[in-house]
C-alpha atoms as a PDB file:
ATOM      1  CA  MET A   1       6.745 -37.835 -41.724  1.00  0.00           C
ATOM      2  CA  LYS A   2       8.768 -37.760 -38.496  1.00  0.00           C
ATOM      3  CA  THR A   3      11.322 -35.534 -40.235  1.00  0.00           C
ATOM      4  CA  GLN A   4       8.530 -33.219 -41.385  1.00  0.00           C
ATOM      5  CA  TYR A   5       7.254 -32.981 -37.856  1.00  0.00           C
ATOM      6  CA  LYS A   6      10.639 -32.194 -36.341  1.00  0.00           C
ATOM      7  CA  THR A   7      11.222 -29.464 -38.914  1.00  0.00           C
ATOM      8  CA  ALA A   8       7.807 -27.947 -38.319  1.00  0.00           C
ATOM      9  CA  VAL A   9       8.005 -28.015 -34.558  1.00  0.00           C
ATOM     10  CA  PHE A  10      11.478 -26.474 -34.627  1.00  0.00           C
ATOM     11  CA  MET A  11      10.163 -23.637 -36.794  1.00  0.00           C
ATOM     12  CA  VAL A  12       7.091 -22.950 -34.682  1.00  0.00           C
ATOM     13  CA  CYS A  13       8.125 -23.672 -31.097  1.00  0.00           C
ATOM     14  CA  THR A  14      11.610 -22.192 -30.818  1.00  0.00           C
ATOM     15  CA  ILE A  15      10.806 -18.644 -31.961  1.00  0.00           C
ATOM     16  CA  GLY A  16      11.276 -17.093 -28.550  1.00  0.00           C
ATOM     17  CA  PHE A  17      13.172 -19.848 -26.787  1.00  0.00           C
ATOM     18  CA  ALA A  18      16.652 -18.304 -26.864  1.00  0.00           C
ATOM     19  CA  ILE A  19      15.327 -15.160 -25.242  1.00  0.00           C
ATOM     20  CA  PHE A  20      14.838 -17.125 -22.017  1.00  0.00           C
ATOM     21  CA  LEU A  21      18.464 -18.124 -21.999  1.00  0.00           C
ATOM     22  CA  MET A  22      19.580 -14.522 -21.426  1.00  0.00           C
ATOM     23  CA  SER A  23      21.374 -14.207 -24.733  1.00  0.00           C
ATOM     24  CA  SER A  24      20.419 -14.144 -28.396  1.00  0.00           C
ATOM     25  CA  THR A  25      21.676 -16.468 -31.081  1.00  0.00           C
ATOM     26  CA  PRO A  26      25.468 -16.030 -31.344  1.00  0.00           C
ATOM     27  CA  LYS A  27      26.513 -13.605 -34.063  1.00  0.00           C
ATOM     28  CA  LEU A  28      29.913 -13.953 -35.682  1.00  0.00           C
ATOM     29  CA  THR A  29      31.973 -10.930 -36.650  1.00  0.00           C
ATOM     30  CA  SER A  30      35.549 -10.349 -37.802  1.00  0.00           C
ATOM     31  CA  VAL A  31      37.789  -9.109 -34.999  1.00  0.00           C
ATOM     32  CA  ALA A  32      41.395  -8.132 -34.518  1.00  0.00           C
ATOM     33  CA  MET A  33      43.277 -10.529 -32.258  1.00  0.00           C
ATOM     34  CA  ASP A  34      46.313 -10.160 -30.086  1.00  0.00           C
ATOM     35  CA  ASP A  35      48.114 -12.685 -27.884  1.00  0.00           C
ATOM     36  CA  ALA A  36      45.710 -14.157 -25.359  1.00  0.00           C
ATOM     37  CA  GLY A  37      46.735 -14.080 -21.728  1.00  0.00           C
ATOM     38  CA  TYR A  38      45.116 -15.317 -18.565  1.00  0.00           C
ATOM     39  CA  VAL A  39      43.206 -12.616 -16.728  1.00  0.00           C
ATOM     40  CA  GLN A  40      42.467 -12.857 -13.027  1.00  0.00           C
ATOM     41  CA  PRO A  41      38.713 -12.988 -12.334  1.00  0.00           C
ATOM     42  CA  THR A  42      37.042  -9.640 -11.656  1.00  0.00           C
ATOM     43  CA  ALA A  43      33.414 -10.087 -12.750  1.00  0.00           C
ATOM     44  CA  TYR A  44      32.498 -11.478  -9.335  1.00  0.00           C
ATOM     45  CA  LYS A  45      33.047  -8.003  -7.853  1.00  0.00           C
ATOM     46  CA  ASN A  46      30.023  -6.791  -9.853  1.00  0.00           C
ATOM     47  CA  LEU A  47      27.885  -9.867  -9.233  1.00  0.00           C
ATOM     48  CA  ILE A  48      24.196  -9.265  -9.945  1.00  0.00           C
ATOM     49  CA  THR A  49      21.935 -10.683  -7.246  1.00  0.00           C
ATOM     50  CA  TYR A  50      18.158 -10.653  -6.832  1.00  0.00           C
ATOM     51  CA  GLN A  51      17.458 -12.415  -3.543  1.00  0.00           C
ATOM     52  CA  GLN A  52      16.523 -10.652  -0.331  1.00  0.00           C
ATOM     53  CA  LYS A  53      17.259 -13.783   1.695  1.00  0.00           C
ATOM     54  CA  ASP A  54      19.257 -17.011   1.452  1.00  0.00           C
ATOM     55  CA  MET A  55      18.985 -19.171  -1.677  1.00  0.00           C
ATOM     56  CA  SER A  56      17.070 -22.458  -1.592  1.00  0.00           C
ATOM     57  CA  VAL A  57      16.802 -25.791  -3.388  1.00  0.00           C
ATOM     58  CA  TYR A  58      13.289 -26.562  -4.633  1.00  0.00           C
ATOM     59  CA  GLN A  59      12.030 -30.041  -5.451  1.00  0.00           C
ATOM     60  CA  THR A  60       9.596 -30.173  -8.366  1.00  0.00           C
ATOM     61  CA  VAL A  61       6.702 -32.533  -9.086  1.00  0.00           C
ATOM     62  CA  ALA A  62       5.150 -33.795 -12.313  1.00  0.00           C
ATOM     63  CA  ALA A  63       2.209 -32.012 -13.907  1.00  0.00           C
ATOM     64  CA  SER A  64      -1.065 -33.303 -12.486  1.00  0.00           C
ATOM     65  CA  GLU A  65      -3.684 -35.213 -14.480  1.00  0.00           C
ATOM     66  CA  ARG A  66      -6.143 -32.458 -13.608  1.00  0.00           C
ATOM     67  CA  LYS A  67      -3.866 -29.860 -15.165  1.00  0.00           C
ATOM     68  CA  ALA A  68      -3.469 -31.964 -18.318  1.00  0.00           C
ATOM     69  CA  GLU A  69      -7.245 -32.418 -18.658  1.00  0.00           C
ATOM     70  CA  GLY A  70      -7.845 -28.689 -18.254  1.00  0.00           C
ATOM     71  CA  PHE A  71      -5.240 -27.951 -20.923  1.00  0.00           C
ATOM     72  CA  LYS A  72      -6.751 -30.473 -23.356  1.00  0.00           C
ATOM     73  CA  LYS A  73     -10.203 -28.969 -22.884  1.00  0.00           C
ATOM     74  CA  SER A  74      -8.855 -25.512 -23.769  1.00  0.00           C
ATOM     75  CA  VAL A  75      -7.014 -26.903 -26.804  1.00  0.00           C
ATOM     76  CA  ARG A  76     -10.212 -28.547 -28.076  1.00  0.00           C
ATOM     77  CA  ASN A  77     -11.972 -25.200 -27.795  1.00  0.00           C
ATOM     78  CA  ALA A  78      -9.112 -23.322 -29.479  1.00  0.00           C
ATOM     79  CA  THR A  79      -8.872 -25.781 -32.386  1.00  0.00           C
ATOM     80  CA  LYS A  80     -12.619 -26.514 -32.652  1.00  0.00           C
ATOM     81  CA  SER A  81     -11.768 -30.188 -32.030  1.00  0.00           C
ATOM     82  CA  ARG A  82      -9.888 -30.465 -35.336  1.00  0.00           C
ATOM     83  CA  LEU A  83      -6.723 -31.650 -33.588  1.00  0.00           C
ATOM     84  CA  SER A  84      -6.124 -35.257 -32.559  1.00  0.00           C
ATOM     85  CA  ILE A  85      -5.879 -35.189 -28.745  1.00  0.00           C
ATOM     86  CA  PRO A  86      -5.364 -38.302 -26.594  1.00  0.00           C
ATOM     87  CA  THR A  87      -7.934 -39.203 -23.950  1.00  0.00           C
ATOM     88  CA  GLY A  88      -5.443 -40.640 -21.427  1.00  0.00           C
ATOM     89  CA  ASN A  89      -2.469 -39.110 -19.632  1.00  0.00           C
ATOM     90  CA  LYS A  90       0.357 -41.225 -21.044  1.00  0.00           C
ATOM     91  CA  ASN A  91       3.182 -39.551 -22.963  1.00  0.00           C
ATOM     92  CA  SER A  92       1.769 -38.640 -26.343  1.00  0.00           C
ATOM     93  CA  LEU A  93       2.784 -36.888 -29.530  1.00  0.00           C
ATOM     94  CA  GLU A  94       0.083 -36.503 -32.169  1.00  0.00           C
ATOM     95  CA  PHE A  95       0.309 -34.487 -35.387  1.00  0.00           C
ATOM     96  CA  GLN A  96      -1.726 -34.060 -38.552  1.00  0.00           C
ATOM     97  CA  LYS A  97      -0.597 -35.551 -41.847  1.00  0.00           C
ATOM     98  CA  GLU A  98      -2.185 -32.681 -43.810  1.00  0.00           C
ATOM     99  CA  ASP A  99      -0.265 -30.033 -41.887  1.00  0.00           C
ATOM    100  CA  PRO A 100       2.822 -31.253 -39.985  1.00  0.00           C
ATOM    101  CA  THR A 101       2.941 -27.974 -38.035  1.00  0.00           C
ATOM    102  CA  ALA A 102      -0.312 -28.986 -36.311  1.00  0.00           C
ATOM    103  CA  PHE A 103       0.385 -31.173 -33.270  1.00  0.00           C
ATOM    104  CA  PHE A 104      -0.416 -31.993 -29.670  1.00  0.00           C
ATOM    105  CA  GLU A 105       2.160 -33.145 -27.106  1.00  0.00           C
ATOM    106  CA  GLN A 106       2.032 -34.106 -23.445  1.00  0.00           C
ATOM    107  CA  ASP A 107       4.590 -35.494 -21.018  1.00  0.00           C
ATOM    108  CA  LEU A 108       3.394 -35.044 -17.472  1.00  0.00           C
ATOM    109  CA  ALA A 109       6.671 -36.219 -15.904  1.00  0.00           C
ATOM    110  CA  SER A 110       8.594 -33.331 -17.491  1.00  0.00           C
ATOM    111  CA  GLY A 111       5.719 -30.836 -17.292  1.00  0.00           C
ATOM    112  CA  LYS A 112       5.486 -30.662 -21.086  1.00  0.00           C
ATOM    113  CA  LEU A 113       2.128 -29.547 -22.514  1.00  0.00           C
ATOM    114  CA  ALA A 114       2.080 -28.130 -26.040  1.00  0.00           C
ATOM    115  CA  PHE A 115      -0.021 -27.755 -29.161  1.00  0.00           C
ATOM    116  CA  ASN A 116      -0.226 -25.888 -32.437  1.00  0.00           C
ATOM    117  CA  LYS A 117      -3.380 -25.731 -34.545  1.00  0.00           C
ATOM    118  CA  GLY A 118      -1.385 -25.486 -37.799  1.00  0.00           C
ATOM    119  CA  MET A 119       0.704 -22.824 -39.503  1.00  0.00           C
ATOM    120  CA  ASN A 120       0.219 -23.489 -43.219  1.00  0.00           C
ATOM    121  CA  ASP A 121      -2.178 -20.574 -43.817  1.00  0.00           C
ATOM    122  CA  TYR A 122      -0.142 -18.166 -41.658  1.00  0.00           C
ATOM    123  CA  LEU A 123       3.136 -19.035 -43.375  1.00  0.00           C
ATOM    124  CA  LYS A 124       1.573 -18.600 -46.824  1.00  0.00           C
ATOM    125  CA  SER A 125      -0.174 -15.264 -46.340  1.00  0.00           C
ATOM    126  CA  GLY A 126       0.981 -13.905 -42.978  1.00  0.00           C
ATOM    127  CA  GLY A 127      -1.272 -12.659 -40.218  1.00  0.00           C
ATOM    128  CA  ARG A 128      -4.500 -10.807 -40.986  1.00  0.00           C
ATOM    129  CA  ASN A 129      -6.110  -8.611 -38.362  1.00  0.00           C
ATOM    130  CA  LEU A 130      -3.578  -9.431 -35.672  1.00  0.00           C
ATOM    131  CA  PRO A 131      -4.228  -7.820 -32.271  1.00  0.00           C
ATOM    132  CA  LYS A 132      -1.961  -5.063 -31.027  1.00  0.00           C
ATOM    133  CA  GLN A 133       0.942  -6.341 -28.950  1.00  0.00           C
ATOM    134  CA  GLU A 134      -0.521  -5.140 -25.646  1.00  0.00           C
ATOM    135  CA  ALA A 135      -3.834  -6.852 -26.434  1.00  0.00           C
ATOM    136  CA  ALA A 136      -1.963 -10.025 -27.423  1.00  0.00           C
ATOM    137  CA  ASN A 137      -0.234 -10.013 -24.028  1.00  0.00           C
ATOM    138  CA  ALA A 138      -3.595  -9.948 -22.264  1.00  0.00           C
ATOM    139  CA  ILE A 139      -5.018 -12.687 -24.515  1.00  0.00           C
ATOM    140  CA  ALA A 140      -2.006 -14.928 -23.863  1.00  0.00           C
ATOM    141  CA  MET A 141      -2.234 -14.484 -20.087  1.00  0.00           C
ATOM    142  CA  ARG A 142      -5.961 -15.188 -20.135  1.00  0.00           C
ATOM    143  CA  PHE A 143      -5.332 -18.447 -22.026  1.00  0.00           C
ATOM    144  CA  ILE A 144      -2.665 -19.487 -19.498  1.00  0.00           C
ATOM    145  CA  ASN A 145      -5.108 -18.935 -16.639  1.00  0.00           C
ATOM    146  CA  GLU A 146      -8.099 -20.562 -18.312  1.00  0.00           C
ATOM    147  CA  SER A 147      -6.174 -23.580 -19.638  1.00  0.00           C
ATOM    148  CA  GLY A 148      -4.644 -24.461 -16.275  1.00  0.00           C
ATOM    149  CA  LEU A 149      -1.066 -23.744 -17.396  1.00  0.00           C
ATOM    150  CA  ALA A 150      -0.664 -21.080 -14.708  1.00  0.00           C
ATOM    151  CA  PRO A 151       1.276 -22.228 -11.629  1.00  0.00           C
ATOM    152  CA  ALA A 152      -0.477 -22.701  -8.299  1.00  0.00           C
ATOM    153  CA  ASN A 153       1.440 -19.678  -7.018  1.00  0.00           C
ATOM    154  CA  LYS A 154       0.557 -16.934  -9.518  1.00  0.00           C
ATOM    155  CA  GLU A 155       3.445 -14.793  -8.203  1.00  0.00           C
ATOM    156  CA  GLU A 156       5.919 -17.161  -9.885  1.00  0.00           C
ATOM    157  CA  ILE A 157       5.008 -16.408 -13.510  1.00  0.00           C
ATOM    158  CA  LYS A 158       6.266 -13.227 -15.200  1.00  0.00           C
ATOM    159  CA  MET A 159       6.180 -12.062 -18.808  1.00  0.00           C
ATOM    160  CA  MET A 160       9.740 -12.107 -20.154  1.00  0.00           C
ATOM    161  CA  HIS A 161       9.267 -11.096 -23.792  1.00  0.00           C
ATOM    162  CA  SER A 162       6.541  -9.875 -26.080  1.00  0.00           C
ATOM    163  CA  GLY A 163       7.116  -9.931 -29.830  1.00  0.00           C
ATOM    164  CA  GLY A 164       6.265 -12.194 -32.725  1.00  0.00           C
ATOM    165  CA  LEU A 165       7.302 -13.754 -35.998  1.00  0.00           C
ATOM    166  CA  ARG A 166       7.954 -11.788 -39.169  1.00  0.00           C
ATOM    167  CA  LEU A 167       8.656 -13.176 -42.615  1.00  0.00           C
ATOM    168  CA  ALA A 168       9.951 -11.473 -45.747  1.00  0.00           C
ATOM    169  CA  THR A 169       7.594 -11.563 -48.715  1.00  0.00           C
ATOM    170  CA  ALA A 170       8.834 -13.245 -51.890  1.00  0.00           C
ATOM    171  CA  GLY A 171      10.598 -10.916 -54.320  1.00  0.00           C
ATOM    172  CA  SER A 172      10.802  -7.918 -51.985  1.00  0.00           C
ATOM    173  CA  ASP A 173      12.372  -6.647 -48.772  1.00  0.00           C
ATOM    174  CA  LYS A 174       8.966  -6.107 -47.191  1.00  0.00           C
ATOM    175  CA  GLN A 175       8.267  -8.089 -44.017  1.00  0.00           C
ATOM    176  CA  VAL A 176       4.864  -9.166 -42.795  1.00  0.00           C
ATOM    177  CA  ASP A 177       3.769 -10.075 -39.265  1.00  0.00           C
ATOM    178  CA  VAL A 178       2.742 -13.720 -39.034  1.00  0.00           C
ATOM    179  CA  PHE A 179       1.578 -13.888 -35.411  1.00  0.00           C
ATOM    180  CA  ARG A 180       2.281 -12.479 -31.945  1.00  0.00           C
ATOM    181  CA  THR A 181       4.416 -14.403 -29.454  1.00  0.00           C
ATOM    182  CA  VAL A 182       4.385 -13.867 -25.695  1.00  0.00           C
ATOM    183  CA  SER A 183       6.955 -15.649 -23.510  1.00  0.00           C
ATOM    184  CA  TYR A 184       6.832 -16.217 -19.764  1.00  0.00           C
ATOM    185  CA  GLY A 185       9.416 -17.284 -17.218  1.00  0.00           C
ATOM    186  CA  ARG A 186       9.538 -18.107 -13.543  1.00  0.00           C
ATOM    187  CA  PHE A 187      10.641 -16.225 -10.417  1.00  0.00           C
ATOM    188  CA  LEU A 188      11.031 -17.832  -7.000  1.00  0.00           C
ATOM    189  CA  ASP A 189      11.130 -15.385  -4.083  1.00  0.00           C
ATOM    190  CA  GLY A 190      11.957 -12.660  -6.602  1.00  0.00           C
ATOM    191  CA  VAL A 191      14.870 -14.582  -8.147  1.00  0.00           C
ATOM    192  CA  PRO A 192      14.675 -15.498 -11.882  1.00  0.00           C
ATOM    193  CA  VAL A 193      14.777 -19.136 -12.958  1.00  0.00           C
ATOM    194  CA  TYR A 194      16.682 -20.015 -16.147  1.00  0.00           C
ATOM    195  CA  GLY A 195      17.432 -23.240 -17.970  1.00  0.00           C
ATOM    196  CA  PRO A 196      15.488 -25.559 -20.299  1.00  0.00           C
ATOM    197  CA  SER A 197      12.356 -25.605 -18.108  1.00  0.00           C
ATOM    198  CA  SER A 198      10.087 -23.121 -16.255  1.00  0.00           C
ATOM    199  CA  LYS A 199       8.924 -21.583 -19.548  1.00  0.00           C
ATOM    200  CA  ILE A 200       5.626 -20.941 -21.308  1.00  0.00           C
ATOM    201  CA  ILE A 201       5.272 -19.542 -24.832  1.00  0.00           C
ATOM    202  CA  VAL A 202       1.903 -18.565 -26.348  1.00  0.00           C
ATOM    203  CA  HIS A 203       1.293 -17.694 -30.022  1.00  0.00           C
ATOM    204  CA  VAL A 204      -1.621 -15.334 -30.754  1.00  0.00           C
ATOM    205  CA  GLY A 205      -2.983 -15.087 -34.300  1.00  0.00           C
ATOM    206  CA  ASN A 206      -5.753 -13.538 -36.380  1.00  0.00           C
ATOM    207  CA  ASN A 207      -8.571 -11.888 -34.432  1.00  0.00           C
ATOM    208  CA  GLY A 208      -6.861 -12.904 -31.190  1.00  0.00           C
ATOM    209  CA  GLU A 209      -7.126 -16.665 -31.702  1.00  0.00           C
ATOM    210  CA  ILE A 210      -4.677 -18.901 -29.843  1.00  0.00           C
ATOM    211  CA  VAL A 211      -2.524 -20.494 -32.537  1.00  0.00           C
ATOM    212  CA  GLY A 212      -0.388 -22.535 -30.181  1.00  0.00           C
ATOM    213  CA  ALA A 213       1.244 -22.847 -26.776  1.00  0.00           C
ATOM    214  CA  ASN A 214       4.362 -24.576 -25.495  1.00  0.00           C
ATOM    215  CA  ALA A 215       4.825 -25.106 -21.753  1.00  0.00           C
ATOM    216  CA  LEU A 216       7.639 -26.764 -19.809  1.00  0.00           C
ATOM    217  CA  TRP A 217       6.648 -26.190 -16.219  1.00  0.00           C
ATOM    218  CA  LYS A 218       6.637 -28.446 -13.151  1.00  0.00           C
ATOM    219  CA  GLU A 219       5.117 -27.336  -9.868  1.00  0.00           C
ATOM    220  CA  VAL A 220       7.323 -26.694  -6.859  1.00  0.00           C
ATOM    221  CA  SER A 221       6.573 -29.236  -4.127  1.00  0.00           C
ATOM    222  CA  ALA A 222       4.613 -28.177  -1.067  1.00  0.00           C
ATOM    223  CA  ASN A 223       7.680 -27.919   1.202  1.00  0.00           C
ATOM    224  CA  LYS A 224       8.506 -24.553  -0.437  1.00  0.00           C
ATOM    225  CA  GLY A 225      12.196 -25.348  -0.762  1.00  0.00           C
ATOM    226  CA  THR A 226      15.125 -26.065   1.515  1.00  0.00           C
ATOM    227  CA  THR A 227      17.323 -23.129   2.539  1.00  0.00           C
ATOM    228  CA  VAL A 228      20.967 -23.535   1.503  1.00  0.00           C
ATOM    229  CA  LYS A 229      23.611 -22.892   4.144  1.00  0.00           C
ATOM    230  CA  LYS A 230      26.280 -20.394   3.109  1.00  0.00           C
ATOM    231  CA  GLU A 231      29.082 -22.934   3.514  1.00  0.00           C
ATOM    232  CA  ALA A 232      27.302 -25.173   0.974  1.00  0.00           C
ATOM    233  CA  MET A 233      27.543 -22.433  -1.678  1.00  0.00           C
ATOM    234  CA  LYS A 234      30.543 -21.655  -3.869  1.00  0.00           C
ATOM    235  CA  SER A 235      31.669 -18.062  -3.641  1.00  0.00           C
ATOM    236  CA  ALA A 236      31.282 -15.860  -6.712  1.00  0.00           C
ATOM    237  CA  LYS A 237      35.060 -15.751  -7.090  1.00  0.00           C
ATOM    238  CA  GLU A 238      35.297 -19.550  -7.020  1.00  0.00           C
ATOM    239  CA  ALA A 239      32.559 -19.765  -9.647  1.00  0.00           C
ATOM    240  CA  GLU A 240      34.345 -17.310 -11.933  1.00  0.00           C
ATOM    241  CA  LEU A 241      37.608 -19.238 -11.659  1.00  0.00           C
ATOM    242  CA  GLU A 242      35.720 -22.423 -12.534  1.00  0.00           C
ATOM    243  CA  MET A 243      34.099 -20.731 -15.529  1.00  0.00           C
ATOM    244  CA  ASN A 244      37.451 -19.451 -16.799  1.00  0.00           C
ATOM    245  CA  ARG A 245      39.004 -22.913 -16.515  1.00  0.00           C
ATOM    246  CA  ARG A 246      36.104 -24.379 -18.460  1.00  0.00           C
ATOM    247  CA  LEU A 247      36.382 -21.724 -21.176  1.00  0.00           C
ATOM    248  CA  ALA A 248      40.099 -22.463 -21.559  1.00  0.00           C
ATOM    249  CA  THR A 249      39.296 -26.172 -21.952  1.00  0.00           C
ATOM    250  CA  ASP A 250      36.373 -25.681 -24.336  1.00  0.00           C
ATOM    251  CA  PHE A 251      37.850 -23.032 -26.622  1.00  0.00           C
ATOM    252  CA  GLY A 252      41.608 -23.602 -26.427  1.00  0.00           C
ATOM    253  CA  LYS A 253      44.663 -21.598 -25.466  1.00  0.00           C
ATOM    254  CA  GLY A 254      44.347 -19.148 -28.337  1.00  0.00           C
ATOM    255  CA  ALA A 255      40.869 -17.981 -27.352  1.00  0.00           C
ATOM    256  CA  ARG A 256      40.268 -14.722 -25.557  1.00  0.00           C
ATOM    257  CA  THR A 257      37.214 -14.415 -23.336  1.00  0.00           C
ATOM    258  CA  LYS A 258      35.577 -11.517 -21.560  1.00  0.00           C
ATOM    259  CA  ILE A 259      32.782 -11.851 -19.020  1.00  0.00           C
ATOM    260  CA  LYS A 260      30.264  -9.071 -19.644  1.00  0.00           C
ATOM    261  CA  GLU A 261      27.938  -9.957 -16.817  1.00  0.00           C
ATOM    262  CA  MET A 262      27.705 -12.415 -13.941  1.00  0.00           C
ATOM    263  CA  SER A 263      24.592 -13.142 -11.897  1.00  0.00           C
ATOM    264  CA  LEU A 264      23.310 -15.511  -9.227  1.00  0.00           C
ATOM    265  CA  ALA A 265      19.918 -17.021 -10.024  1.00  0.00           C
ATOM    266  CA  TYR A 266      18.179 -20.407 -10.237  1.00  0.00           C
ATOM    267  CA  TYR A 267      18.523 -23.255 -12.744  1.00  0.00           C
ATOM    268  CA  ASP A 268      15.687 -25.571 -13.819  1.00  0.00           C
ATOM    269  CA  GLY A 269      16.841 -28.479 -15.966  1.00  0.00           C
ATOM    270  CA  GLY A 270      13.366 -30.016 -16.123  1.00  0.00           C
ATOM    271  CA  LYS A 271      14.293 -32.918 -13.873  1.00  0.00           C
ATOM    272  CA  SER A 272      13.593 -33.024 -10.130  1.00  0.00           C
ATOM    273  CA  TYR A 273      15.140 -29.863  -8.684  1.00  0.00           C
ATOM    274  CA  ILE A 274      15.455 -26.117  -9.131  1.00  0.00           C
ATOM    275  CA  GLN A 275      18.795 -25.050  -7.655  1.00  0.00           C
ATOM    276  CA  PRO A 276      21.097 -22.005  -7.416  1.00  0.00           C
ATOM    277  CA  ALA A 277      23.518 -21.292 -10.258  1.00  0.00           C
ATOM    278  CA  TYR A 278      25.924 -18.621 -11.459  1.00  0.00           C
ATOM    279  CA  TYR A 279      25.268 -17.328 -14.988  1.00  0.00           C
ATOM    280  CA  PHE A 280      27.842 -15.671 -17.225  1.00  0.00           C
ATOM    281  CA  GLN A 281      27.344 -13.611 -20.382  1.00  0.00           C
ATOM    282  CA  ILE A 282      30.652 -13.966 -22.187  1.00  0.00           C
ATOM    283  CA  ILE A 283      32.267 -12.624 -25.359  1.00  0.00           C
ATOM    284  CA  VAL A 284      34.483 -15.277 -26.929  1.00  0.00           C
ATOM    285  CA  SER A 285      37.111 -14.215 -29.495  1.00  0.00           C
ATOM    286  CA  LEU A 286      38.846 -16.918 -31.507  1.00  0.00           C
ATOM    287  CA  PRO A 287      42.115 -16.304 -33.390  1.00  0.00           C
ATOM    288  CA  LYS A 288      42.596 -16.189 -37.126  1.00  0.00           C
ATOM    289  CA  MET A 289      43.670 -19.514 -38.585  1.00  0.00           C
ATOM    290  CA  LYS A 290      45.288 -20.236 -41.940  1.00  0.00           C
ATOM    291  CA  ASP A 291      42.031 -20.296 -43.922  1.00  0.00           C
ATOM    292  CA  THR A 292      39.564 -19.138 -41.262  1.00  0.00           C
ATOM    293  CA  PRO A 293      39.052 -15.511 -40.189  1.00  0.00           C
ATOM    294  CA  ALA A 294      39.076 -14.474 -36.557  1.00  0.00           C
ATOM    295  CA  THR A 295      35.598 -14.746 -35.068  1.00  0.00           C
ATOM    296  CA  GLN A 296      33.727 -13.364 -32.092  1.00  0.00           C
ATOM    297  CA  PHE A 297      30.436 -14.464 -30.572  1.00  0.00           C
ATOM    298  CA  GLU A 298      28.429 -14.237 -27.368  1.00  0.00           C
ATOM    299  CA  TYR A 299      28.232 -17.279 -25.142  1.00  0.00           C
ATOM    300  CA  LEU A 300      26.121 -18.129 -22.096  1.00  0.00           C
ATOM    301  CA  GLY A 301      28.009 -19.989 -19.378  1.00  0.00           C
ATOM    302  CA  ILE A 302      26.650 -21.604 -16.241  1.00  0.00           C
ATOM    303  CA  VAL A 303      28.306 -22.919 -13.085  1.00  0.00           C
ATOM    304  CA  PRO A 304      26.442 -24.755 -10.298  1.00  0.00           C
ATOM    305  CA  ALA A 305      26.411 -22.617  -7.142  1.00  0.00           C
ATOM    306  CA  LEU A 306      26.213 -25.606  -4.798  1.00  0.00           C
ATOM    307  CA  ARG A 307      29.349 -27.486  -3.842  1.00  0.00           C
ATOM    308  CA  LYS A 308      27.288 -30.678  -4.024  1.00  0.00           C
ATOM    309  CA  THR A 309      24.429 -30.554  -6.542  1.00  0.00           C
ATOM    310  CA  PRO A 310      21.318 -32.744  -6.231  1.00  0.00           C
ATOM    311  CA  GLU A 311      21.449 -33.444  -9.976  1.00  0.00           C
ATOM    312  CA  ALA A 312      23.688 -32.660 -12.950  1.00  0.00           C
ATOM    313  CA  PHE A 313      23.478 -29.522 -15.110  1.00  0.00           C
ATOM    314  CA  GLU A 314      23.177 -29.449 -18.898  1.00  0.00           C
ATOM    315  CA  VAL A 315      25.144 -27.127 -21.187  1.00  0.00           C
ATOM    316  CA  LEU A 316      22.825 -24.247 -22.085  1.00  0.00           C
ATOM    317  CA  GLN A 317      24.542 -23.131 -25.267  1.00  0.00           C
ATOM    318  CA  GLN A 318      26.897 -24.623 -27.819  1.00  0.00           C
ATOM    319  CA  ALA A 319      29.424 -22.670 -29.850  1.00  0.00           C
ATOM    320  CA  PRO A 320      28.121 -21.832 -33.354  1.00  0.00           C
ATOM    321  CA  PRO A 321      29.255 -24.181 -36.195  1.00  0.00           C
ATOM    322  CA  GLU A 322      31.691 -21.651 -37.683  1.00  0.00           C
ATOM    323  CA  ALA A 323      33.381 -21.253 -34.307  1.00  0.00           C
ATOM    324  CA  LYS A 324      33.618 -25.018 -33.853  1.00  0.00           C
ATOM    325  CA  LYS A 325      35.645 -25.193 -37.069  1.00  0.00           C
ATOM    326  CA  VAL A 326      38.140 -22.701 -35.671  1.00  0.00           C
ATOM    327  CA  ILE A 327      38.280 -24.574 -32.351  1.00  0.00           C
ATOM    328  CA  GLY A 328      38.874 -27.846 -34.196  1.00  0.00           C
ATOM    329  CA  LYS A 329      41.700 -26.406 -36.285  1.00  0.00           C
ATOM    330  CA  ALA A 330      43.288 -24.851 -33.200  1.00  0.00           C
ATOM    331  CA  SER A 331      43.150 -28.236 -31.456  1.00  0.00           C
ATOM    332  CA  GLU A 332      44.815 -29.908 -34.447  1.00  0.00           C
ATOM    333  CA  LYS A 333      47.552 -27.278 -34.336  1.00  0.00           C
ATOM    334  CA  GLU A 334      48.156 -27.987 -30.642  1.00  0.00           C
ATOM    335  CA  MET A 335      48.286 -31.735 -31.332  1.00  0.00           C
ATOM    336  CA  LYS A 336      50.962 -31.233 -33.989  1.00  0.00           C
ATOM    337  CA  LYS A 337      53.025 -29.305 -31.463  1.00  0.00           C
ATOM    338  CA  ASP A 338      52.626 -32.077 -28.884  1.00  0.00           C
ATOM    339  CA  PRO A 339      51.211 -35.354 -30.254  1.00  0.00           C
ATOM    340  CA  ARG A 340      51.337 -36.863 -26.757  1.00  0.00           C
ATOM    341  CA  ARG A 341      48.677 -34.444 -25.553  1.00  0.00           C
ATOM    342  CA  ASP A 342      45.667 -36.298 -24.167  1.00  0.00           C
ATOM    343  CA  ILE A 343      42.298 -35.644 -25.685  1.00  0.00           C
ATOM    344  CA  GLU A 344      39.325 -35.986 -23.337  1.00  0.00           C
END
């Protein structure tokens, strides 16, 4: 049953997740390759910035019991009390045996509050009488406000994407809308926040009903953040050099990389701090191997902007499986050239 649940939750709750990470799922294509050479960093000259003042470090706090109770009340109303919802505030994960896509989850320490009333009927027959996208946006925002998911500072939350899920019907190329999906992200002093946390996704179904919601959002503590001194920040050029060194290590000598875009924003790893970070949208081209074609994909890189970070960063994106095969074969080739080469 645990496997069923994981499969169902993955299908339902990650529909719009990659959108928040500034890049879509990597797409592989055949490309022509030439000899790779090191290129001096230049993306930093076109650094995208949003802030009107100095960057800060924000400490975050766990979701309050009051917020959790407000959310559970809204979920009971949305599901007509058909979902098993815990009465306390301990970490909980409850799902229905009849429909493993129906679940309730709470983890106040991480700011996780999520539910889905069940997708079996939607996945079988698609959506019926779905609201227009603009109406779905308004319905989703109203649920966020009424359920208590909205942050204390309403200026922080912004709609990042409005779309939905479509499925192809059996035996034809026709696609049907299943439900609407509206995704929200966070801005602090006008600067976007990326990373695993500071996200809310709402699914809107037939006749405007709330099918599900998935929030990872911790409040910023009352001190409003600590301003970072300029000498405590890496320069954009330093960050690009660091990113290039990491790309060379991760993808090997034969890889060719091109930074499409570089920006300075905030990173929220869902732990205790929101801190400045440099983000890179990168095209990675891997060489043709003996039995593997040359491949190209988009990759999202991140470098901490602080010289001394209050907590560690997580890798936002992994190379796709096909690319990992090429990387592995390239590494084996290097090892044959020099078997004394250390592997970290």
